[in-house]
Amino acid sequence: MVQLISKKFKYFTFFIAGLALGVIIGVSGLTAIISSRIDSFYHKIIILENDIEDKNTRLQRLEESLSEEREKQKLPLKEIQVHLNTDEDEIDKLTLTKHIKDKYTTFIGREIDTIDLDIISQIIDKRIFRLDDKSYQLEVEKIFMSDVLILWIFVEPLNEND
């Protein structure tokens, strides 16, 4: 009789241990899946917020310049595009792009004839930009300007220990 009770207790103990192990593995797996989905949603949210902010700034500048341009009938700068040459992750690229575009938003809506390309280049060329705990040196490689200002920028990460 004692052996029967100890066998039942043994099977019950294994069942509880297996159940606990299954719950732990299941929760770990679900956590990994959910955290990767949250990261992808976070990435999409940052992209969409940057797009909305850029479009709102562009719309405001264009509306201001439209009233002025109707009088002058000259071509305004409508958009700024930044192409980064770097190996950094997407979040850092998006943040750098956003801050670089912020430096040039004052030019949106201005006549293209009145914008000096040397000044455009000097705004961020050879500048050091700090993002969280990282530093980057920006170097303008190319500039193209029509009604859209396109900047190609090389981003070099700097070591804090140097």
Protein backbone atom coordinates (compact mmCIF):
# COMPACT_ATOMS: atom_id res chain seq x y z
CA MET A 1 0.00 0.00 0.00
CA VAL A 2 2.87 2.34 0.80
CA GLN A 3 4.43 1.64 -2.60
CA LEU A 4 1.18 2.54 -4.34
CA ILE A 5 0.99 5.88 -2.53
CA SER A 6 4.63 6.68 -3.27
CA LYS A 7 4.11 5.81 -6.98
CA LYS A 8 1.09 8.11 -7.13
CA PHE A 9 3.04 10.87 -5.41
CA LYS A 10 5.94 10.32 -7.83
CA TYR A 11 3.65 10.58 -10.90
CA PHE A 12 1.92 13.63 -9.44
CA THR A 13 5.30 15.30 -8.82
CA PHE A 14 6.42 14.61 -12.41
CA PHE A 15 3.11 15.91 -13.74
CA ILE A 16 3.40 19.17 -11.77
CA ALA A 17 7.07 19.60 -12.81
CA GLY A 18 6.20 19.00 -16.48
CA LEU A 19 3.27 21.40 -16.26
CA ALA A 20 5.46 24.11 -14.68
CA LEU A 21 8.19 23.57 -17.28
CA GLY A 22 5.63 23.77 -20.10
CA VAL A 23 4.20 27.00 -18.72
CA ILE A 24 7.68 28.54 -18.42
CA ILE A 25 8.64 27.53 -21.99
CA GLY A 26 5.31 28.75 -23.36
CA VAL A 27 5.51 32.10 -21.62
CA SER A 28 9.11 32.57 -22.78
CA GLY A 29 8.16 31.80 -26.37
CA LEU A 30 5.18 34.16 -26.31
CA THR A 31 7.31 36.90 -24.77
CA ALA A 32 9.89 36.57 -27.55
CA ILE A 33 7.22 36.71 -30.27
CA ILE A 34 5.38 39.64 -28.74
CA SER A 35 8.57 41.64 -28.08
CA SER A 36 9.69 41.29 -31.70
CA ARG A 37 6.27 42.48 -32.90
CA ILE A 38 6.41 45.44 -30.50
CA ASP A 39 9.86 46.37 -31.85
CA SER A 40 8.59 46.30 -35.43
CA PHE A 41 5.57 48.42 -34.47
CA TYR A 42 7.84 50.88 -32.65
CA HIS A 43 9.97 51.16 -35.79
CA LYS A 44 6.88 51.79 -37.95
CA ILE A 45 5.56 54.39 -35.50
CA ILE A 46 8.84 56.35 -35.63
CA ILE A 47 8.81 56.28 -39.44
CA LEU A 48 5.20 57.45 -39.59
CA GLU A 49 5.71 60.19 -36.99
CA ASN A 50 8.70 61.52 -38.95
CA ASP A 51 6.69 61.44 -42.18
CA ILE A 52 3.79 63.31 -40.58
CA GLU A 53 6.07 65.93 -39.09
CA ASP A 54 7.89 66.43 -42.39
CA LYS A 55 4.65 66.70 -44.33
CA ASN A 56 3.13 69.14 -41.84
CA THR A 57 6.23 71.35 -41.99
CA ARG A 58 6.28 71.15 -45.77
CA LEU A 59 2.57 71.95 -46.00
CA GLN A 60 2.88 74.95 -43.70
CA ARG A 61 5.89 76.33 -45.57
CA LEU A 62 4.28 75.75 -48.96
CA GLU A 63 1.04 77.42 -47.91
CA GLU A 64 3.01 80.43 -46.72
CA SER A 65 5.04 80.56 -49.91
CA LEU A 66 2.05 79.99 -52.18
CA SER A 67 0.52 83.28 -51.25
CA GLU A 68 3.89 84.96 -51.81
CA GLU A 69 4.66 82.97 -54.97
CA ARG A 70 1.41 83.90 -56.67
CA GLU A 71 2.69 87.42 -56.67
CA LYS A 72 6.20 86.50 -57.85
CA GLN A 73 5.50 83.39 -60.02
CA LYS A 74 8.86 81.80 -59.18
CA LEU A 75 9.66 78.21 -58.22
CA PRO A 76 9.77 77.50 -54.44
CA LEU A 77 11.68 74.74 -52.70
CA LYS A 78 9.04 72.11 -51.93
CA GLU A 79 10.80 69.21 -50.25
CA ILE A 80 14.02 68.08 -48.60
CA GLN A 81 15.37 64.55 -49.02
CA VAL A 82 18.32 63.20 -47.08
CA HIS A 83 20.26 60.09 -48.09
CA LEU A 84 22.64 58.86 -45.39
CA ASN A 85 25.73 56.80 -46.17
CA THR A 86 26.20 54.89 -42.92
CA ASP A 87 26.11 51.42 -41.41
CA GLU A 88 24.11 52.46 -38.34
CA ASP A 89 20.78 50.84 -37.46
CA GLU A 90 17.48 52.13 -38.84
CA ILE A 91 16.39 53.96 -35.68
CA ASP A 92 19.63 55.99 -35.60
CA LYS A 93 19.32 56.70 -39.34
CA LEU A 94 15.76 57.94 -38.90
CA THR A 95 16.72 60.13 -35.96
CA LEU A 96 19.71 61.59 -37.82
CA THR A 97 17.57 62.22 -40.91
CA LYS A 98 14.94 63.98 -38.82
CA HIS A 99 17.46 66.29 -37.15
CA ILE A 100 19.20 67.05 -40.44
CA LYS A 101 15.87 67.93 -42.08
CA ASP A 102 15.08 70.19 -39.11
CA LYS A 103 18.21 72.21 -39.94
CA TYR A 104 16.92 72.84 -43.47
CA THR A 105 13.20 73.46 -42.90
CA THR A 106 13.71 77.22 -43.02
CA PHE A 107 14.53 76.89 -46.72
CA ILE A 108 11.21 75.22 -47.62
CA GLY A 109 9.04 77.70 -49.47
CA ARG A 110 11.91 80.01 -50.43
CA GLU A 111 12.69 80.69 -54.06
CA ILE A 112 15.31 78.39 -55.46
CA ASP A 113 17.13 81.34 -57.03
CA THR A 114 17.72 82.93 -53.62
CA ILE A 115 19.22 79.83 -51.95
CA ASP A 116 23.03 79.61 -51.93
CA LEU A 117 24.34 76.04 -52.24
CA ASP A 118 27.51 76.89 -50.31
CA ILE A 119 25.43 77.88 -47.30
CA ILE A 120 23.36 74.69 -47.68
CA SER A 121 26.55 72.65 -47.57
CA GLN A 122 28.10 74.53 -44.64
CA ILE A 123 25.09 74.06 -42.36
CA ILE A 124 26.02 70.46 -41.49
CA ASP A 125 29.31 69.75 -43.28
CA LYS A 126 32.05 68.68 -40.84
CA ARG A 127 29.63 68.99 -37.91
CA ILE A 128 29.57 66.62 -34.97
CA PHE A 129 26.12 65.40 -34.05
CA ARG A 130 25.39 63.71 -30.73
CA LEU A 131 22.62 61.14 -30.47
CA ASP A 132 22.07 59.55 -27.06
CA ASP A 133 25.53 58.28 -26.11
CA LYS A 134 26.96 58.23 -29.66
CA SER A 135 28.67 60.94 -31.69
CA TYR A 136 28.69 61.24 -35.45
CA GLN A 137 30.59 63.48 -37.82
CA LEU A 138 28.55 64.51 -40.85
CA GLU A 139 30.09 65.24 -44.23
CA VAL A 140 28.12 66.43 -47.25
CA GLU A 141 29.02 64.34 -50.29
CA LYS A 142 26.61 65.76 -52.89
CA ILE A 143 23.83 68.32 -53.15
CA PHE A 144 21.17 68.51 -55.82
CA MET A 145 18.56 71.26 -55.89
CA SER A 146 15.54 71.75 -58.07
CA ASP A 147 12.16 72.15 -56.43
CA VAL A 148 13.46 69.33 -54.19
CA LEU A 149 16.70 69.66 -52.20
CA ILE A 150 18.49 66.30 -52.11
CA LEU A 151 21.47 65.82 -49.79
CA TRP A 152 23.81 62.85 -49.76
CA ILE A 153 25.60 62.76 -46.42
CA PHE A 154 28.36 60.50 -45.17
CA VAL A 155 27.98 59.72 -41.47
CA GLU A 156 31.08 58.64 -39.58
CA PRO A 157 30.65 57.32 -36.03
CA LEU A 158 33.15 58.81 -33.60
CA ASN A 159 34.61 56.97 -30.62
CA GLU A 160 34.07 58.67 -27.28
CA ASN A 161 37.45 57.39 -26.03
CA ASP A 162 39.52 59.27 -28.65
